[in-house]
Amino acid sequence: MLEYGVSAERLDAHGSLASCKEAELLLDTDVDGRMDAFNPAELLLAALAGCMIKGIERVAPMLHFRLRGVEVTLRGLRQDSPPKMASIEYTLTVDTDESDRRLELLHQNVMKYGTVYNTLVAGTTISGSIRRAAGSSS
């Protein structure tokens, strides 16, 4: 099993700082919010986006899948009582000339082998699609 560790410290009433390895990330922990940092729900969505992109980086060489770029857009809907992320929608946009069948194979691998994806989908409705970037050909 792999083990991960992150620590976070409150800086003041407006923000906190998370640390991992040699990286630091400013967190929006202000009750009024702040524009220069991710709040916890946005961090969750960012973790899912990172998981998807990392999954593509991992499986593309195994599938001999050629791509020039990847973009993930996500939208999470939060319910108030009890507070939780009720659903997440995403679009994976891949700049590639691979066939539609191979594009869908890439998508299946992202869903099957993503650590964050599989953790979230166990308790949250996740739906999404993969598409070819504008200007790409198949």
Protein backbone atom coordinates (compact mmCIF):
# COMPACT_ATOMS: atom_id res chain seq x y z
CA MET A 1 0.00 0.00 0.00
CA LEU A 2 1.08 3.55 -0.69
CA GLU A 3 0.86 6.11 2.06
CA TYR A 4 0.35 9.84 1.61
CA GLY A 5 0.81 12.70 4.07
CA VAL A 6 -0.17 16.35 4.09
CA SER A 7 -0.07 18.85 6.93
CA ALA A 8 -1.96 22.12 7.19
CA GLU A 9 -1.61 25.05 9.53
CA ARG A 10 -3.91 27.99 10.18
CA LEU A 11 -2.13 31.22 9.28
CA ASP A 12 -4.90 33.54 10.46
CA ALA A 13 -8.67 33.93 10.20
CA HIS A 14 -8.35 34.30 6.43
CA GLY A 15 -6.24 31.35 5.35
CA SER A 16 -4.19 28.29 6.03
CA LEU A 17 -1.14 26.69 4.47
CA ALA A 18 -0.96 23.05 3.41
CA SER A 19 2.42 21.37 2.93
CA CYS A 20 3.49 18.16 1.27
CA LYS A 21 6.95 17.11 0.13
CA GLU A 22 8.56 20.39 -1.03
CA ALA A 23 5.26 22.03 -2.01
CA GLU A 24 3.01 24.51 -0.24
CA LEU A 25 -0.55 25.51 -1.07
CA LEU A 26 -2.50 28.45 0.32
CA LEU A 27 -5.98 27.36 1.45
CA ASP A 28 -9.13 29.45 1.58
CA THR A 29 -10.33 28.79 5.13
CA ASP A 30 -11.89 32.25 5.59
CA VAL A 31 -15.62 31.97 6.40
CA ASP A 32 -16.24 34.84 3.96
CA GLY A 33 -14.05 33.22 1.28
CA ARG A 34 -11.11 34.61 -0.60
CA MET A 35 -10.33 34.82 -4.29
CA ASP A 36 -6.61 33.95 -4.17
CA ALA A 37 -6.88 30.38 -2.82
CA PHE A 38 -8.83 27.16 -3.28
CA ASN A 39 -11.53 26.43 -0.71
CA PRO A 40 -11.92 22.81 0.50
CA ALA A 41 -14.62 21.92 -2.05
CA GLU A 42 -12.50 23.36 -4.88
CA LEU A 43 -9.52 21.38 -3.60
CA LEU A 44 -11.61 18.22 -3.84
CA LEU A 45 -12.44 19.01 -7.47
CA ALA A 46 -8.79 19.88 -8.16
CA ALA A 47 -7.73 16.54 -6.65
CA LEU A 48 -10.11 14.75 -9.02
CA ALA A 49 -8.79 16.73 -12.00
CA GLY A 50 -5.21 15.94 -11.00
CA CYS A 51 -6.11 12.27 -10.61
CA MET A 52 -7.60 12.16 -14.11
CA ILE A 53 -4.65 13.89 -15.75
CA LYS A 54 -2.14 11.73 -13.86
CA GLY A 55 -4.11 8.65 -14.89
CA ILE A 56 -3.88 9.71 -18.52
CA GLU A 57 -0.13 10.26 -18.14
CA ARG A 58 0.16 6.77 -16.66
CA VAL A 59 -1.91 4.81 -19.21
CA ALA A 60 -1.11 6.73 -22.42
CA PRO A 61 2.31 5.06 -22.86
CA MET A 62 0.83 1.59 -22.16
CA LEU A 63 -1.91 2.17 -24.74
CA HIS A 64 0.53 3.86 -27.16
CA PHE A 65 -1.95 6.75 -27.09
CA ARG A 66 -0.62 9.92 -28.69
CA LEU A 67 -1.80 13.25 -27.31
CA ARG A 68 -0.70 16.85 -27.30
CA GLY A 69 -2.66 18.08 -24.30
CA VAL A 70 -5.43 17.43 -21.79
CA GLU A 71 -7.87 19.77 -20.07
CA VAL A 72 -10.38 18.83 -17.36
CA THR A 73 -13.32 21.02 -16.38
CA LEU A 74 -15.39 20.06 -13.35
CA ARG A 75 -18.56 21.26 -11.69
CA GLY A 76 -19.56 20.13 -8.23
CA LEU A 77 -22.98 20.55 -6.66
CA ARG A 78 -22.99 20.83 -2.87
CA GLN A 79 -26.04 20.02 -0.79
CA ASP A 80 -26.55 21.81 2.51
CA SER A 81 -28.01 19.20 4.84
CA PRO A 82 -26.01 17.21 5.52
CA PRO A 83 -23.26 19.19 3.82
CA LYS A 84 -21.62 17.10 1.12
CA MET A 85 -20.74 17.12 -2.55
CA ALA A 86 -23.94 15.67 -4.03
CA SER A 87 -22.69 15.32 -7.58
CA ILE A 88 -19.74 16.08 -9.81
CA GLU A 89 -19.80 16.55 -13.57
CA TYR A 90 -16.67 16.69 -15.69
CA THR A 91 -15.46 17.02 -19.25
CA LEU A 92 -12.10 15.65 -20.31
CA THR A 93 -10.85 17.39 -23.45
CA VAL A 94 -7.96 15.66 -25.18
CA ASP A 95 -5.93 17.13 -28.02
CA THR A 96 -5.31 14.00 -30.08
CA ASP A 97 -5.67 12.46 -33.51
CA GLU A 98 -6.56 9.04 -32.04
CA SER A 99 -9.84 7.38 -33.07
CA ASP A 100 -13.08 7.81 -31.11
CA ARG A 101 -12.79 4.18 -29.96
CA ARG A 102 -9.31 4.79 -28.56
CA LEU A 103 -10.46 8.03 -26.94
CA GLU A 104 -13.20 6.10 -25.13
CA LEU A 105 -10.67 3.42 -24.13
CA LEU A 106 -8.58 6.16 -22.52
CA HIS A 107 -11.67 7.39 -20.66
CA GLN A 108 -12.47 3.88 -19.39
CA ASN A 109 -8.93 3.54 -18.03
CA VAL A 110 -9.13 6.92 -16.27
CA MET A 111 -12.31 5.83 -14.49
CA LYS A 112 -11.11 2.32 -13.70
CA TYR A 113 -7.68 3.13 -12.26
CA GLY A 114 -8.06 6.57 -10.66
CA THR A 115 -7.48 6.54 -6.89
CA VAL A 116 -9.33 9.79 -6.19
CA TYR A 117 -12.01 8.97 -8.78
CA ASN A 118 -12.74 5.58 -7.21
CA THR A 119 -12.76 7.03 -3.69
CA LEU A 120 -15.25 9.75 -4.63
CA VAL A 121 -17.52 7.65 -6.86
CA ALA A 122 -18.18 5.31 -3.92
CA GLY A 123 -20.18 8.08 -2.21
CA THR A 124 -20.86 10.75 -4.84
CA THR A 125 -22.57 10.68 -8.21
CA ILE A 126 -19.89 11.38 -10.81
CA SER A 127 -20.74 11.76 -14.48
CA GLY A 128 -18.69 12.99 -17.34
CA SER A 129 -17.50 12.68 -20.86
CA ILE A 130 -14.37 12.73 -22.93
CA ARG A 131 -14.09 14.70 -26.12
CA ARG A 132 -11.58 15.69 -28.71
CA ALA A 133 -10.16 19.21 -28.58
CA ALA A 134 -11.31 21.60 -31.28
CA GLY A 135 -8.98 21.39 -34.24
CA SER A 136 -7.99 17.77 -33.54
CA SER A 137 -8.78 15.17 -36.17
CA SER A 138 -9.59 11.48 -35.87
